[in-house]
Every structure is written in structure tokens, then in C-alpha cells.
Amino acid sequence: MTYLPYALSVWIFVCGLYGIVSSRNLIHITVCVSVCQSATYVLLLAIGYRKHGTAPIFSDMPTRGRTIVDPIVQSLTLTDIVVSVAVAALLLTFALKVFEHHHSLDPGEIAGLKG
């Protein structure tokens, strides 16, 4: 068992998190959130990976002695992709509305967010 996919997932997440923390543009923040969400794809696929695993189709092959990949993890990954597209669309819509109202994408220049 190798820990490389887990380390890759953490590295992708940290890179996205650094981009979120250091960014001064709402569009860049949205892209960095998408990068953080892509770390979950790698993590889910690493969890569901089985060496020499085959697809979980049982109709034409004997199941004895076969290593089968878990289909639940694959469906969770597809669901995660759909959720990340919806989140990206929502954040880009918010960024567009902020730009229309404040004429800036810099979070520091938005007067309504100063506390």
C-alpha cells in the first residue's frame, strides 16, 4: 500500500487553500475553491482503488477470486464533481453580482464587507 495518492490529495488541497488565503480577486478565489474540491476527487479515488481491480459487473464473469472495485466510491466521486460544478457556478454568479454593484473584484475594496 502506498501513501502517495493521499499525500497528493493533501498537497493539492494545501495549494488551493494557499490560493484562497492569498488571493485578492474573487474569480481567483473561485478557481482555488475548485482546486480544493479536486483534492477530494483524488482522495476518494485513492480510497476506492484496488490493485488489479475490475469493474463491479457480475452478469458475465464468475465472482470468485476476483478483486472488485467499490462502486460506491466511484458514485461519490461523480456526485462530488456535480457538486463542485454547482458551487463554482454559484461563486461565479456572486462574483459577477459583486462586480456589477461595486465595480471591483477585490474583496478588500468592497465597502459592504468592511467590519
PDB file of N, CA and C in Angstrom:
ATOM      1  N   MET A   1       0.844  -1.179   0.000  1.00  0.00           N
ATOM      2  CA  MET A   1       0.000   0.000   0.000  1.00  0.00           C
ATOM      3  C   MET A   1       0.887   1.239   0.000  1.00  0.00           C
ATOM      4  N   THR A   2       0.558   2.152  -0.863  1.00  0.00           N
ATOM      5  CA  THR A   2       1.329   3.378  -0.965  1.00  0.00           C
ATOM      6  C   THR A   2       0.504   4.558  -0.445  1.00  0.00           C
ATOM      7  N   TYR A   3       1.191   5.503   0.121  1.00  0.00           N
ATOM      8  CA  TYR A   3       0.540   6.694   0.654  1.00  0.00           C
ATOM      9  C   TYR A   3       0.660   7.883  -0.295  1.00  0.00           C
ATOM     10  N   LEU A   4       1.204   7.661  -1.487  1.00  0.00           N
ATOM     11  CA  LEU A   4       1.409   8.737  -2.449  1.00  0.00           C
ATOM     12  C   LEU A   4       0.097   9.416  -2.872  1.00  0.00           C
ATOM     13  N   PRO A   5      -0.991   8.693  -3.188  1.00  0.00           N
ATOM     14  CA  PRO A   5      -2.232   9.392  -3.548  1.00  0.00           C
ATOM     15  C   PRO A   5      -2.789  10.255  -2.415  1.00  0.00           C
ATOM     16  N   TYR A   6      -2.635   9.795  -1.174  1.00  0.00           N
ATOM     17  CA  TYR A   6      -3.101  10.584  -0.035  1.00  0.00           C
ATOM     18  C   TYR A   6      -2.265  11.846   0.136  1.00  0.00           C
ATOM     19  N   ALA A   7      -0.957  11.715  -0.046  1.00  0.00           N
ATOM     20  CA  ALA A   7      -0.072  12.878   0.034  1.00  0.00           C
ATOM     21  C   ALA A   7      -0.365  13.854  -1.109  1.00  0.00           C
ATOM     22  N   LEU A   8      -0.660  13.322  -2.299  1.00  0.00           N
ATOM     23  CA  LEU A   8      -1.015  14.174  -3.428  1.00  0.00           C
ATOM     24  C   LEU A   8      -2.306  14.935  -3.147  1.00  0.00           C
ATOM     25  N   SER A   9      -3.262  14.271  -2.540  1.00  0.00           N
ATOM     26  CA  SER A   9      -4.520  14.920  -2.200  1.00  0.00           C
ATOM     27  C   SER A   9      -4.301  16.060  -1.202  1.00  0.00           C
ATOM     28  N   VAL A  10      -3.488  15.821  -0.201  1.00  0.00           N
ATOM     29  CA  VAL A  10      -3.183  16.864   0.786  1.00  0.00           C
ATOM     30  C   VAL A  10      -2.444  18.019   0.132  1.00  0.00           C
ATOM     31  N   TRP A  11      -1.495  17.708  -0.762  1.00  0.00           N
ATOM     32  CA  TRP A  11      -0.732  18.750  -1.433  1.00  0.00           C
ATOM     33  C   TRP A  11      -1.634  19.619  -2.308  1.00  0.00           C
ATOM     34  N   ILE A  12      -2.551  19.000  -3.067  1.00  0.00           N
ATOM     35  CA  ILE A  12      -3.488  19.759  -3.899  1.00  0.00           C
ATOM     36  C   ILE A  12      -4.370  20.642  -3.019  1.00  0.00           C
ATOM     37  N   PHE A  13      -4.839  20.102  -1.906  1.00  0.00           N
ATOM     38  CA  PHE A  13      -5.688  20.874  -1.009  1.00  0.00           C
ATOM     39  C   PHE A  13      -4.941  22.067  -0.420  1.00  0.00           C
ATOM     40  N   VAL A  14      -3.697  21.861  -0.013  1.00  0.00           N
ATOM     41  CA  VAL A  14      -2.902  22.946   0.575  1.00  0.00           C
ATOM     42  C   VAL A  14      -2.609  24.025  -0.470  1.00  0.00           C
ATOM     43  N   CYS A  15      -2.337  23.615  -1.704  1.00  0.00           N
ATOM     44  CA  CYS A  15      -2.114  24.606  -2.768  1.00  0.00           C
ATOM     45  C   CYS A  15      -3.370  25.441  -3.011  1.00  0.00           C
ATOM     46  N   GLY A  16      -4.526  24.789  -3.049  1.00  0.00           N
ATOM     47  CA  GLY A  16      -5.770  25.528  -3.220  1.00  0.00           C
ATOM     48  C   GLY A  16      -6.073  26.429  -2.044  1.00  0.00           C
ATOM     49  N   LEU A  17      -5.807  25.944  -0.840  1.00  0.00           N
ATOM     50  CA  LEU A  17      -6.044  26.750   0.356  1.00  0.00           C
ATOM     51  C   LEU A  17      -5.122  27.966   0.399  1.00  0.00           C
ATOM     52  N   TYR A  18      -3.876  27.784  -0.005  1.00  0.00           N
ATOM     53  CA  TYR A  18      -2.961  28.925  -0.075  1.00  0.00           C
ATOM     54  C   TYR A  18      -3.463  29.969  -1.075  1.00  0.00           C
ATOM     55  N   GLY A  19      -3.985  29.493  -2.196  1.00  0.00           N
ATOM     56  CA  GLY A  19      -4.531  30.416  -3.179  1.00  0.00           C
ATOM     57  C   GLY A  19      -5.731  31.177  -2.655  1.00  0.00           C
ATOM     58  N   ILE A  20      -6.578  30.508  -1.884  1.00  0.00           N
ATOM     59  CA  ILE A  20      -7.745  31.174  -1.300  1.00  0.00           C
ATOM     60  C   ILE A  20      -7.311  32.250  -0.311  1.00  0.00           C
ATOM     61  N   VAL A  21      -6.353  31.919   0.536  1.00  0.00           N
ATOM     62  CA  VAL A  21      -5.912  32.846   1.585  1.00  0.00           C
ATOM     63  C   VAL A  21      -5.167  34.041   1.002  1.00  0.00           C
ATOM     64  N   SER A  22      -4.390  33.824  -0.045  1.00  0.00           N
ATOM     65  CA  SER A  22      -3.534  34.894  -0.557  1.00  0.00           C
ATOM     66  C   SER A  22      -4.143  35.673  -1.713  1.00  0.00           C
ATOM     67  N   SER A  23      -5.317  35.322  -2.162  1.00  0.00           N
ATOM     68  CA  SER A  23      -5.879  35.939  -3.355  1.00  0.00           C
ATOM     69  C   SER A  23      -6.556  37.273  -3.049  1.00  0.00           C
ATOM     70  N   ARG A  24      -6.495  38.163  -4.019  1.00  0.00           N
ATOM     71  CA  ARG A  24      -7.175  39.456  -3.933  1.00  0.00           C
ATOM     72  C   ARG A  24      -8.167  39.611  -5.083  1.00  0.00           C
ATOM     73  N   ASN A  25      -8.676  38.500  -5.618  1.00  0.00           N
ATOM     74  CA  ASN A  25      -9.604  38.523  -6.732  1.00  0.00           C
ATOM     75  C   ASN A  25     -10.643  37.420  -6.515  1.00  0.00           C
ATOM     76  N   LEU A  26     -11.917  37.769  -6.657  1.00  0.00           N
ATOM     77  CA  LEU A  26     -12.981  36.797  -6.392  1.00  0.00           C
ATOM     78  C   LEU A  26     -12.992  35.654  -7.406  1.00  0.00           C
ATOM     79  N   ILE A  27     -12.600  35.922  -8.656  1.00  0.00           N
ATOM     80  CA  ILE A  27     -12.540  34.867  -9.663  1.00  0.00           C
ATOM     81  C   ILE A  27     -11.419  33.883  -9.309  1.00  0.00           C
ATOM     82  N   HIS A  28     -10.289  34.405  -8.879  1.00  0.00           N
ATOM     83  CA  HIS A  28      -9.179  33.542  -8.476  1.00  0.00           C
ATOM     84  C   HIS A  28      -9.554  32.712  -7.248  1.00  0.00           C
ATOM     85  N   ILE A  29     -10.288  33.285  -6.343  1.00  0.00           N
ATOM     86  CA  ILE A  29     -10.746  32.537  -5.173  1.00  0.00           C
ATOM     87  C   ILE A  29     -11.658  31.392  -5.592  1.00  0.00           C
ATOM     88  N   THR A  30     -12.525  31.634  -6.580  1.00  0.00           N
ATOM     89  CA  THR A  30     -13.407  30.573  -7.083  1.00  0.00           C
ATOM     90  C   THR A  30     -12.611  29.435  -7.705  1.00  0.00           C
ATOM     91  N   VAL A  31     -11.585  29.771  -8.473  1.00  0.00           N
ATOM     92  CA  VAL A  31     -10.735  28.731  -9.068  1.00  0.00           C
ATOM     93  C   VAL A  31     -10.002  27.952  -7.984  1.00  0.00           C
ATOM     94  N   CYS A  32      -9.537  28.634  -6.956  1.00  0.00           N
ATOM     95  CA  CYS A  32      -8.833  27.955  -5.867  1.00  0.00           C
ATOM     96  C   CYS A  32      -9.768  27.052  -5.058  1.00  0.00           C
ATOM     97  N   VAL A  33     -11.031  27.449  -4.916  1.00  0.00           N
ATOM     98  CA  VAL A  33     -12.009  26.569  -4.268  1.00  0.00           C
ATOM     99  C   VAL A  33     -12.207  25.316  -5.112  1.00  0.00           C
ATOM    100  N   SER A  34     -12.224  25.463  -6.427  1.00  0.00           N
ATOM    101  CA  SER A  34     -12.341  24.297  -7.314  1.00  0.00           C
ATOM    102  C   SER A  34     -11.125  23.387  -7.196  1.00  0.00           C
ATOM    103  N   VAL A  35      -9.952  23.977  -7.010  1.00  0.00           N
ATOM    104  CA  VAL A  35      -8.740  23.169  -6.814  1.00  0.00           C
ATOM    105  C   VAL A  35      -8.838  22.391  -5.499  1.00  0.00           C
ATOM    106  N   CYS A  36      -9.319  23.042  -4.445  1.00  0.00           N
ATOM    107  CA  CYS A  36      -9.502  22.341  -3.166  1.00  0.00           C
ATOM    108  C   CYS A  36     -10.498  21.193  -3.311  1.00  0.00           C
ATOM    109  N   GLN A  37     -11.547  21.415  -4.076  1.00  0.00           N
ATOM    110  CA  GLN A  37     -12.523  20.347  -4.274  1.00  0.00           C
ATOM    111  C   GLN A  37     -11.956  19.217  -5.114  1.00  0.00           C
ATOM    112  N   SER A  38     -11.028  19.517  -6.006  1.00  0.00           N
ATOM    113  CA  SER A  38     -10.427  18.443  -6.799  1.00  0.00           C
ATOM    114  C   SER A  38      -9.548  17.538  -5.941  1.00  0.00           C
ATOM    115  N   ALA A  39      -9.092  18.043  -4.817  1.00  0.00           N
ATOM    116  CA  ALA A  39      -8.340  17.187  -3.894  1.00  0.00           C
ATOM    117  C   ALA A  39      -9.228  16.076  -3.347  1.00  0.00           C
ATOM    118  N   THR A  40     -10.521  16.356  -3.216  1.00  0.00           N
ATOM    119  CA  THR A  40     -11.424  15.314  -2.732  1.00  0.00           C
ATOM    120  C   THR A  40     -11.613  14.219  -3.767  1.00  0.00           C
ATOM    121  N   TYR A  41     -11.515  14.548  -5.072  1.00  0.00           N
ATOM    122  CA  TYR A  41     -11.611  13.510  -6.107  1.00  0.00           C
ATOM    123  C   TYR A  41     -10.458  12.526  -5.955  1.00  0.00           C
ATOM    124  N   VAL A  42      -9.263  13.086  -5.808  1.00  0.00           N
ATOM    125  CA  VAL A  42      -8.082  12.231  -5.672  1.00  0.00           C
ATOM    126  C   VAL A  42      -8.191  11.380  -4.414  1.00  0.00           C
ATOM    127  N   LEU A  43      -8.667  11.971  -3.333  1.00  0.00           N
ATOM    128  CA  LEU A  43      -8.809  11.227  -2.081  1.00  0.00           C
ATOM    129  C   LEU A  43      -9.827  10.095  -2.218  1.00  0.00           C
ATOM    130  N   LEU A  44     -10.978  10.385  -2.807  1.00  0.00           N
ATOM    131  CA  LEU A  44     -11.993   9.345  -2.970  1.00  0.00           C
ATOM    132  C   LEU A  44     -11.516   8.227  -3.895  1.00  0.00           C
ATOM    133  N   LEU A  45     -10.847   8.593  -4.973  1.00  0.00           N
ATOM    134  CA  LEU A  45     -10.345   7.557  -5.878  1.00  0.00           C
ATOM    135  C   LEU A  45      -9.225   6.744  -5.237  1.00  0.00           C
ATOM    136  N   ALA A  46      -8.422   7.369  -4.374  1.00  0.00           N
ATOM    137  CA  ALA A  46      -7.380   6.624  -3.664  1.00  0.00           C
ATOM    138  C   ALA A  46      -7.991   5.648  -2.662  1.00  0.00           C
ATOM    139  N   ILE A  47      -9.083   6.062  -2.039  1.00  0.00           N
ATOM    140  CA  ILE A  47      -9.745   5.174  -1.084  1.00  0.00           C
ATOM    141  C   ILE A  47     -10.354   3.972  -1.799  1.00  0.00           C
ATOM    142  N   GLY A  48     -10.939   4.204  -2.966  1.00  0.00           N
ATOM    143  CA  GLY A  48     -11.623   3.133  -3.674  1.00  0.00           C
ATOM    144  C   GLY A  48     -10.742   2.282  -4.566  1.00  0.00           C
ATOM    145  N   TYR A  49      -9.467   2.620  -4.704  1.00  0.00           N
ATOM    146  CA  TYR A  49      -8.584   1.875  -5.596  1.00  0.00           C
ATOM    147  C   TYR A  49      -8.257   0.493  -5.029  1.00  0.00           C
ATOM    148  N   ARG A  50      -8.306  -0.494  -5.888  1.00  0.00           N
ATOM    149  CA  ARG A  50      -7.879  -1.852  -5.554  1.00  0.00           C
ATOM    150  C   ARG A  50      -6.931  -2.330  -6.643  1.00  0.00           C
ATOM    151  N   LYS A  51      -5.792  -2.848  -6.251  1.00  0.00           N
ATOM    152  CA  LYS A  51      -4.804  -3.314  -7.216  1.00  0.00           C
ATOM    153  C   LYS A  51      -5.389  -4.470  -8.027  1.00  0.00           C
ATOM    154  N   HIS A  52      -5.281  -4.359  -9.325  1.00  0.00           N
ATOM    155  CA  HIS A  52      -5.830  -5.336 -10.278  1.00  0.00           C
ATOM    156  C   HIS A  52      -7.340  -5.496 -10.127  1.00  0.00           C
ATOM    157  N   GLY A  53      -7.995  -4.444  -9.697  1.00  0.00           N
ATOM    158  CA  GLY A  53      -9.443  -4.484  -9.526  1.00  0.00           C
ATOM    159  C   GLY A  53     -10.161  -4.354 -10.857  1.00  0.00           C
ATOM    160  N   THR A  54     -11.337  -4.962 -10.927  1.00  0.00           N
ATOM    161  CA  THR A  54     -12.150  -4.888 -12.133  1.00  0.00           C
ATOM    162  C   THR A  54     -13.452  -4.178 -11.814  1.00  0.00           C
ATOM    163  N   ALA A  55     -14.177  -3.863 -12.856  1.00  0.00           N
ATOM    164  CA  ALA A  55     -15.461  -3.189 -12.685  1.00  0.00           C
ATOM    165  C   ALA A  55     -16.444  -4.124 -11.988  1.00  0.00           C
ATOM    166  N   PRO A  56     -17.343  -3.579 -11.200  1.00  0.00           N
ATOM    167  CA  PRO A  56     -18.287  -4.420 -10.452  1.00  0.00           C
ATOM    168  C   PRO A  56     -19.471  -4.868 -11.307  1.00  0.00           C
ATOM    169  N   ILE A  57     -19.166  -5.610 -12.372  1.00  0.00           N
ATOM    170  CA  ILE A  57     -20.207  -6.156 -13.239  1.00  0.00           C
ATOM    171  C   ILE A  57     -20.221  -7.664 -13.000  1.00  0.00           C
ATOM    172  N   PHE A  58     -21.342  -8.169 -12.562  1.00  0.00           N
ATOM    173  CA  PHE A  58     -21.402  -9.566 -12.134  1.00  0.00           C
ATOM    174  C   PHE A  58     -22.162 -10.467 -13.094  1.00  0.00           C
ATOM    175  N   SER A  59     -22.682  -9.985 -14.194  1.00  0.00           N
ATOM    176  CA  SER A  59     -23.563 -10.795 -15.019  1.00  0.00           C
ATOM    177  C   SER A  59     -22.836 -11.831 -15.861  1.00  0.00           C
ATOM    178  N   ASP A  60     -21.631 -11.577 -16.330  1.00  0.00           N
ATOM    179  CA  ASP A  60     -20.984 -12.492 -17.260  1.00  0.00           C
ATOM    180  C   ASP A  60     -19.679 -13.102 -16.753  1.00  0.00           C
ATOM    181  N   MET A  61     -19.259 -12.768 -15.534  1.00  0.00           N
ATOM    182  CA  MET A  61     -17.991 -13.283 -15.029  1.00  0.00           C
ATOM    183  C   MET A  61     -18.195 -13.901 -13.653  1.00  0.00           C
ATOM    184  N   PRO A  62     -17.460 -14.957 -13.360  1.00  0.00           N
ATOM    185  CA  PRO A  62     -17.558 -15.506 -12.003  1.00  0.00           C
ATOM    186  C   PRO A  62     -16.947 -14.543 -10.995  1.00  0.00           C
ATOM    187  N   THR A  63     -17.563 -14.461  -9.822  1.00  0.00           N
ATOM    188  CA  THR A  63     -17.102 -13.505  -8.812  1.00  0.00           C
ATOM    189  C   THR A  63     -16.040 -14.086  -7.897  1.00  0.00           C
ATOM    190  N   ARG A  64     -15.861 -15.364  -7.919  1.00  0.00           N
ATOM    191  CA  ARG A  64     -14.894 -15.998  -7.036  1.00  0.00           C
ATOM    192  C   ARG A  64     -13.463 -15.718  -7.493  1.00  0.00           C
ATOM    193  N   GLY A  65     -12.657 -15.222  -6.584  1.00  0.00           N
ATOM    194  CA  GLY A  65     -11.245 -14.974  -6.875  1.00  0.00           C
ATOM    195  C   GLY A  65     -10.971 -13.663  -7.590  1.00  0.00           C
ATOM    196  N   ARG A  66     -11.955 -12.823  -7.736  1.00  0.00           N
ATOM    197  CA  ARG A  66     -11.775 -11.534  -8.406  1.00  0.00           C
ATOM    198  C   ARG A  66     -11.704 -10.415  -7.386  1.00  0.00           C
ATOM    199  N   THR A  67     -10.856  -9.441  -7.679  1.00  0.00           N
ATOM    200  CA  THR A  67     -10.821  -8.228  -6.881  1.00  0.00           C
ATOM    201  C   THR A  67     -11.723  -7.215  -7.577  1.00  0.00           C
ATOM    202  N   ILE A  68     -12.695  -6.698  -6.837  1.00  0.00           N
ATOM    203  CA  ILE A  68     -13.681  -5.810  -7.422  1.00  0.00           C
ATOM    204  C   ILE A  68     -13.553  -4.421  -6.790  1.00  0.00           C
ATOM    205  N   VAL A  69     -13.627  -3.419  -7.644  1.00  0.00           N
ATOM    206  CA  VAL A  69     -13.560  -2.030  -7.191  1.00  0.00           C
ATOM    207  C   VAL A  69     -14.922  -1.649  -6.607  1.00  0.00           C
ATOM    208  N   ASP A  70     -14.898  -0.879  -5.511  1.00  0.00           N
ATOM    209  CA  ASP A  70     -16.129  -0.471  -4.843  1.00  0.00           C
ATOM    210  C   ASP A  70     -16.877   0.565  -5.680  1.00  0.00           C
ATOM    211  N   PRO A  71     -18.105   0.298  -6.123  1.00  0.00           N
ATOM    212  CA  PRO A  71     -18.823   1.262  -6.951  1.00  0.00           C
ATOM    213  C   PRO A  71     -19.349   2.465  -6.162  1.00  0.00           C
ATOM    214  N   ILE A  72     -19.477   2.343  -4.858  1.00  0.00           N
ATOM    215  CA  ILE A  72     -19.975   3.455  -4.042  1.00  0.00           C
ATOM    216  C   ILE A  72     -18.999   4.626  -4.089  1.00  0.00           C
ATOM    217  N   VAL A  73     -17.717   4.334  -4.028  1.00  0.00           N
ATOM    218  CA  VAL A  73     -16.704   5.396  -4.057  1.00  0.00           C
ATOM    219  C   VAL A  73     -16.720   6.096  -5.416  1.00  0.00           C
ATOM    220  N   GLN A  74     -16.926   5.335  -6.482  1.00  0.00           N
ATOM    221  CA  GLN A  74     -16.997   5.939  -7.809  1.00  0.00           C
ATOM    222  C   GLN A  74     -18.219   6.844  -7.932  1.00  0.00           C
ATOM    223  N   SER A  75     -19.341   6.411  -7.398  1.00  0.00           N
ATOM    224  CA  SER A  75     -20.537   7.251  -7.466  1.00  0.00           C
ATOM    225  C   SER A  75     -20.395   8.491  -6.580  1.00  0.00           C
ATOM    226  N   LEU A  76     -19.709   8.370  -5.458  1.00  0.00           N
ATOM    227  CA  LEU A  76     -19.446   9.547  -4.625  1.00  0.00           C
ATOM    228  C   LEU A  76     -18.546  10.546  -5.345  1.00  0.00           C
ATOM    229  N   THR A  77     -17.581  10.046  -6.112  1.00  0.00           N
ATOM    230  CA  THR A  77     -16.710  10.930  -6.878  1.00  0.00           C
ATOM    231  C   THR A  77     -17.500  11.679  -7.946  1.00  0.00           C
ATOM    232  N   LEU A  78     -18.382  10.969  -8.649  1.00  0.00           N
ATOM    233  CA  LEU A  78     -19.215  11.640  -9.649  1.00  0.00           C
ATOM    234  C   LEU A  78     -20.138  12.675  -9.002  1.00  0.00           C
ATOM    235  N   THR A  79     -20.687  12.350  -7.845  1.00  0.00           N
ATOM    236  CA  THR A  79     -21.525  13.303  -7.124  1.00  0.00           C
ATOM    237  C   THR A  79     -20.715  14.514  -6.697  1.00  0.00           C
ATOM    238  N   ASP A  80     -19.479  14.296  -6.269  1.00  0.00           N
ATOM    239  CA  ASP A  80     -18.600  15.387  -5.863  1.00  0.00           C
ATOM    240  C   ASP A  80     -18.295  16.306  -7.040  1.00  0.00           C
ATOM    241  N   ILE A  81     -18.140  15.746  -8.229  1.00  0.00           N
ATOM    242  CA  ILE A  81     -17.894  16.563  -9.423  1.00  0.00           C
ATOM    243  C   ILE A  81     -19.101  17.447  -9.722  1.00  0.00           C
ATOM    244  N   VAL A  82     -20.289  16.880  -9.618  1.00  0.00           N
ATOM    245  CA  VAL A  82     -21.506  17.654  -9.876  1.00  0.00           C
ATOM    246  C   VAL A  82     -21.658  18.775  -8.849  1.00  0.00           C
ATOM    247  N   VAL A  83     -21.388  18.471  -7.591  1.00  0.00           N
ATOM    248  CA  VAL A  83     -21.486  19.488  -6.545  1.00  0.00           C
ATOM    249  C   VAL A  83     -20.455  20.589  -6.771  1.00  0.00           C
ATOM    250  N   SER A  84     -19.254  20.241  -7.185  1.00  0.00           N
ATOM    251  CA  SER A  84     -18.224  21.260  -7.393  1.00  0.00           C
ATOM    252  C   SER A  84     -18.572  22.171  -8.568  1.00  0.00           C
ATOM    253  N   VAL A  85     -19.204  21.627  -9.596  1.00  0.00           N
ATOM    254  CA  VAL A  85     -19.634  22.474 -10.712  1.00  0.00           C
ATOM    255  C   VAL A  85     -20.715  23.444 -10.240  1.00  0.00           C
ATOM    256  N   ALA A  86     -21.642  22.962  -9.425  1.00  0.00           N
ATOM    257  CA  ALA A  86     -22.702  23.830  -8.906  1.00  0.00           C
ATOM    258  C   ALA A  86     -22.123  24.920  -7.993  1.00  0.00           C
ATOM    259  N   VAL A  87     -21.166  24.565  -7.146  1.00  0.00           N
ATOM    260  CA  VAL A  87     -20.536  25.548  -6.258  1.00  0.00           C
ATOM    261  C   VAL A  87     -19.766  26.584  -7.069  1.00  0.00           C
ATOM    262  N   ALA A  88     -19.045  26.140  -8.092  1.00  0.00           N
ATOM    263  CA  ALA A  88     -18.302  27.083  -8.930  1.00  0.00           C
ATOM    264  C   ALA A  88     -19.253  28.042  -9.647  1.00  0.00           C
ATOM    265  N   ALA A  89     -20.365  27.517 -10.156  1.00  0.00           N
ATOM    266  CA  ALA A  89     -21.338  28.382 -10.826  1.00  0.00           C
ATOM    267  C   ALA A  89     -21.930  29.405  -9.849  1.00  0.00           C
ATOM    268  N   LEU A  90     -22.225  28.968  -8.639  1.00  0.00           N
ATOM    269  CA  LEU A  90     -22.777  29.879  -7.639  1.00  0.00           C
ATOM    270  C   LEU A  90     -21.768  30.957  -7.248  1.00  0.00           C
ATOM    271  N   LEU A  91     -20.517  30.574  -7.034  1.00  0.00           N
ATOM    272  CA  LEU A  91     -19.492  31.558  -6.663  1.00  0.00           C
ATOM    273  C   LEU A  91     -19.212  32.534  -7.801  1.00  0.00           C
ATOM    274  N   LEU A  92     -19.212  32.047  -9.043  1.00  0.00           N
ATOM    275  CA  LEU A  92     -19.010  32.958 -10.170  1.00  0.00           C
ATOM    276  C   LEU A  92     -20.185  33.916 -10.334  1.00  0.00           C
ATOM    277  N   THR A  93     -21.394  33.439 -10.038  1.00  0.00           N
ATOM    278  CA  THR A  93     -22.551  34.329 -10.078  1.00  0.00           C
ATOM    279  C   THR A  93     -22.451  35.401  -9.012  1.00  0.00           C
ATOM    280  N   PHE A  94     -22.036  35.016  -7.803  1.00  0.00           N
ATOM    281  CA  PHE A  94     -21.818  36.006  -6.745  1.00  0.00           C
ATOM    282  C   PHE A  94     -20.754  37.018  -7.146  1.00  0.00           C
ATOM    283  N   ALA A  95     -19.667  36.546  -7.747  1.00  0.00           N
ATOM    284  CA  ALA A  95     -18.595  37.451  -8.177  1.00  0.00           C
ATOM    285  C   ALA A  95     -19.106  38.417  -9.241  1.00  0.00           C
ATOM    286  N   LEU A  96     -19.927  37.939 -10.151  1.00  0.00           N
ATOM    287  CA  LEU A  96     -20.492  38.809 -11.179  1.00  0.00           C
ATOM    288  C   LEU A  96     -21.397  39.871 -10.566  1.00  0.00           C
ATOM    289  N   LYS A  97     -22.232  39.491  -9.619  1.00  0.00           N
ATOM    290  CA  LYS A  97     -23.116  40.460  -8.957  1.00  0.00           C
ATOM    291  C   LYS A  97     -22.328  41.477  -8.131  1.00  0.00           C
ATOM    292  N   VAL A  98     -21.267  41.029  -7.470  1.00  0.00           N
ATOM    293  CA  VAL A  98     -20.417  41.950  -6.711  1.00  0.00           C
ATOM    294  C   VAL A  98     -19.750  42.942  -7.657  1.00  0.00           C
ATOM    295  N   PHE A  99     -19.287  42.457  -8.809  1.00  0.00           N
ATOM    296  CA  PHE A  99     -18.647  43.359  -9.778  1.00  0.00           C
ATOM    297  C   PHE A  99     -19.649  44.368 -10.342  1.00  0.00           C
ATOM    298  N   GLU A 100     -20.882  43.927 -10.596  1.00  0.00           N
ATOM    299  CA  GLU A 100     -21.902  44.853 -11.087  1.00  0.00           C
ATOM    300  C   GLU A 100     -22.238  45.929 -10.057  1.00  0.00           C
ATOM    301  N   HIS A 101     -22.221  45.560  -8.803  1.00  0.00           N
ATOM    302  CA  HIS A 101     -22.613  46.506  -7.747  1.00  0.00           C
ATOM    303  C   HIS A 101     -21.463  47.403  -7.293  1.00  0.00           C
ATOM    304  N   HIS A 102     -20.267  46.835  -7.145  1.00  0.00           N
ATOM    305  CA  HIS A 102     -19.128  47.578  -6.580  1.00  0.00           C
ATOM    306  C   HIS A 102     -18.051  47.941  -7.596  1.00  0.00           C
ATOM    307  N   HIS A 103     -18.131  47.411  -8.834  1.00  0.00           N
ATOM    308  CA  HIS A 103     -17.153  47.669  -9.903  1.00  0.00           C
ATOM    309  C   HIS A 103     -15.740  47.253  -9.495  1.00  0.00           C
ATOM    310  N   SER A 104     -15.644  46.200  -8.716  1.00  0.00           N
ATOM    311  CA  SER A 104     -14.346  45.677  -8.293  1.00  0.00           C
ATOM    312  C   SER A 104     -14.510  44.213  -7.903  1.00  0.00           C
ATOM    313  N   LEU A 105     -13.459  43.430  -8.147  1.00  0.00           N
ATOM    314  CA  LEU A 105     -13.439  42.037  -7.715  1.00  0.00           C
ATOM    315  C   LEU A 105     -12.535  41.817  -6.515  1.00  0.00           C
ATOM    316  N   ASP A 106     -11.956  42.897  -5.997  1.00  0.00           N
ATOM    317  CA  ASP A 106     -11.085  42.809  -4.841  1.00  0.00           C
ATOM    318  C   ASP A 106     -11.946  42.799  -3.570  1.00  0.00           C
ATOM    319  N   PRO A 107     -11.850  41.742  -2.750  1.00  0.00           N
ATOM    320  CA  PRO A 107     -12.663  41.704  -1.540  1.00  0.00           C
ATOM    321  C   PRO A 107     -12.369  42.837  -0.564  1.00  0.00           C
ATOM    322  N   GLY A 108     -11.167  43.381  -0.596  1.00  0.00           N
ATOM    323  CA  GLY A 108     -10.812  44.469   0.296  1.00  0.00           C
ATOM    324  C   GLY A 108     -11.440  45.808  -0.079  1.00  0.00           C
ATOM    325  N   GLU A 109     -11.838  45.949  -1.338  1.00  0.00           N
ATOM    326  CA  GLU A 109     -12.413  47.210  -1.808  1.00  0.00           C
ATOM    327  C   GLU A 109     -13.934  47.224  -1.726  1.00  0.00           C
ATOM    328  N   ILE A 110     -14.542  46.145  -1.323  1.00  0.00           N
ATOM    329  CA  ILE A 110     -15.985  46.090  -1.263  1.00  0.00           C
ATOM    330  C   ILE A 110     -16.431  46.697   0.058  1.00  0.00           C
ATOM    331  N   ALA A 111     -17.149  47.825  -0.014  1.00  0.00           N
ATOM    332  CA  ALA A 111     -17.499  48.588   1.182  1.00  0.00           C
ATOM    333  C   ALA A 111     -18.458  47.831   2.099  1.00  0.00           C
ATOM    334  N   GLY A 112     -19.336  47.016   1.548  1.00  0.00           N
ATOM    335  CA  GLY A 112     -20.317  46.302   2.364  1.00  0.00           C
ATOM    336  C   GLY A 112     -19.721  45.207   3.206  1.00  0.00           C
ATOM    337  N   LEU A 113     -18.508  44.800   2.911  1.00  0.00           N
ATOM    338  CA  LEU A 113     -17.889  43.712   3.662  1.00  0.00           C
ATOM    339  C   LEU A 113     -16.930  44.208   4.751  1.00  0.00           C
ATOM    340  N   LYS A 114     -16.721  45.504   4.843  1.00  0.00           N
ATOM    341  CA  LYS A 114     -15.817  46.022   5.873  1.00  0.00           C
ATOM    342  C   LYS A 114     -16.531  46.007   7.223  1.00  0.00           C
ATOM    343  N   GLY A 115     -15.816  45.549   8.253  1.00  0.00           N
ATOM    344  CA  GLY A 115     -16.472  45.400   9.530  1.00  0.00           C
ATOM    345  C   GLY A 115     -15.994  46.256  10.602  1.00  0.00           C
TER     346      GLY A 115
END
